[in-house]
Amino acid sequence: MFLNTSKITPKNIMVFGSNYAIKEAVKNNLGVTITSSLPSTCNKELKIISLDYNLTRNFSYILANNITHSKANDLFIRELKGFVLTL
């Protein structure tokens, strides 16, 4: 959404599994990022530019159909759905 509204078309897009991996990629000159949180070491290693507005993201969860889910799993999903409704 941010890229579209800002009329930015990246040449390549990469997906990383952790903020640490993102930090290392940016540190090694692979590009720029927008991230919700940073490891505490970023302040000394990268230039951080704070945005003056909030961004929203969509999240998904995936469950296997062929297994019985635990009560904890069901409770977590119910709480997650309830949280989203309060936003």
Protein backbone atom coordinates (compact mmCIF):
# COMPACT_ATOMS: atom_id res chain seq x y z
CA MET A 1 0.00 0.00 0.00
CA PHE A 2 2.75 2.48 0.97
CA LEU A 3 4.68 1.77 -2.22
CA ASN A 4 1.58 2.20 -4.39
CA THR A 5 0.43 5.43 -2.77
CA SER A 6 3.97 6.81 -2.93
CA LYS A 7 4.29 5.73 -6.58
CA ILE A 8 7.37 3.63 -5.84
CA THR A 9 8.00 0.61 -8.06
CA PRO A 10 10.81 -1.54 -6.67
CA LYS A 11 13.03 -3.39 -9.11
CA ASN A 12 13.13 -6.42 -6.79
CA ILE A 13 11.32 -7.47 -3.62
CA MET A 14 12.79 -9.83 -1.02
CA VAL A 15 11.10 -11.47 1.95
CA PHE A 16 13.13 -12.20 5.09
CA GLY A 17 12.19 -14.22 8.14
CA SER A 18 13.39 -11.87 10.86
CA ASN A 19 14.23 -8.26 11.63
CA TYR A 20 17.85 -9.33 12.10
CA ALA A 21 17.96 -10.66 8.50
CA ILE A 22 16.42 -7.41 7.27
CA LYS A 23 18.99 -5.36 9.17
CA GLU A 24 21.84 -7.41 7.74
CA ALA A 25 20.52 -7.10 4.19
CA VAL A 26 20.22 -3.30 4.46
CA LYS A 27 23.61 -3.10 6.14
CA ASN A 28 25.10 -5.00 3.18
CA ASN A 29 23.62 -2.48 0.72
CA LEU A 30 20.85 -4.73 -0.64
CA GLY A 31 18.22 -1.99 -0.34
CA VAL A 32 16.01 -0.14 2.10
CA THR A 33 13.21 -1.29 4.37
CA ILE A 34 10.21 -0.20 6.36
CA THR A 35 9.97 -2.25 9.53
CA SER A 36 7.89 -2.04 12.69
CA SER A 37 10.76 -2.62 15.09
CA LEU A 38 14.52 -2.80 15.00
CA PRO A 39 17.19 -4.66 16.94
CA SER A 40 18.82 -2.29 19.44
CA THR A 41 22.13 -2.42 17.53
CA CYS A 42 20.63 -0.73 14.47
CA ASN A 43 21.15 2.78 15.83
CA LYS A 44 24.93 2.44 15.46
CA GLU A 45 24.96 0.55 12.16
CA LEU A 46 22.23 2.09 10.00
CA LYS A 47 20.67 5.45 9.28
CA ILE A 48 17.14 5.40 10.68
CA ILE A 49 14.53 7.79 9.33
CA SER A 50 11.33 7.95 11.37
CA LEU A 51 8.09 8.19 9.42
CA ASP A 52 5.67 10.90 10.51
CA TYR A 53 2.61 8.69 10.01
CA ASN A 54 1.46 5.18 10.85
CA LEU A 55 1.33 2.34 8.35
CA THR A 56 -1.00 -0.65 8.59
CA ARG A 57 -0.34 -4.19 7.43
CA ASN A 58 -2.45 -7.25 6.80
CA PHE A 59 -1.58 -10.46 8.60
CA SER A 60 -2.79 -13.98 7.91
CA TYR A 61 -2.74 -17.22 9.79
CA ILE A 62 -2.68 -20.67 8.23
CA LEU A 63 -3.96 -23.87 9.82
CA ALA A 64 -3.77 -27.44 8.61
CA ASN A 65 -7.18 -28.97 7.84
CA ASN A 66 -6.21 -32.53 8.64
CA ILE A 67 -5.22 -32.16 12.32
CA THR A 68 -7.09 -31.47 15.53
CA HIS A 69 -6.06 -28.12 16.95
CA SER A 70 -5.28 -27.69 20.63
CA LYS A 71 -7.48 -25.64 22.95
CA ALA A 72 -4.60 -23.17 23.28
CA ASN A 73 -4.49 -22.79 19.51
CA ASP A 74 -8.25 -22.23 19.30
CA LEU A 75 -8.10 -19.73 22.16
CA PHE A 76 -5.26 -17.82 20.51
CA ILE A 77 -7.18 -17.52 17.23
CA ARG A 78 -10.36 -16.46 19.04
CA GLU A 79 -8.42 -13.79 20.97
CA LEU A 80 -6.67 -12.66 17.79
CA LYS A 81 -9.99 -12.24 15.98
CA GLY A 82 -11.41 -10.36 18.97
CA PHE A 83 -8.39 -8.04 19.03
CA VAL A 84 -8.74 -7.27 15.34
CA LEU A 85 -12.41 -6.33 15.82
CA THR A 86 -11.39 -3.71 18.41
CA LEU A 87 -9.00 -1.89 16.07
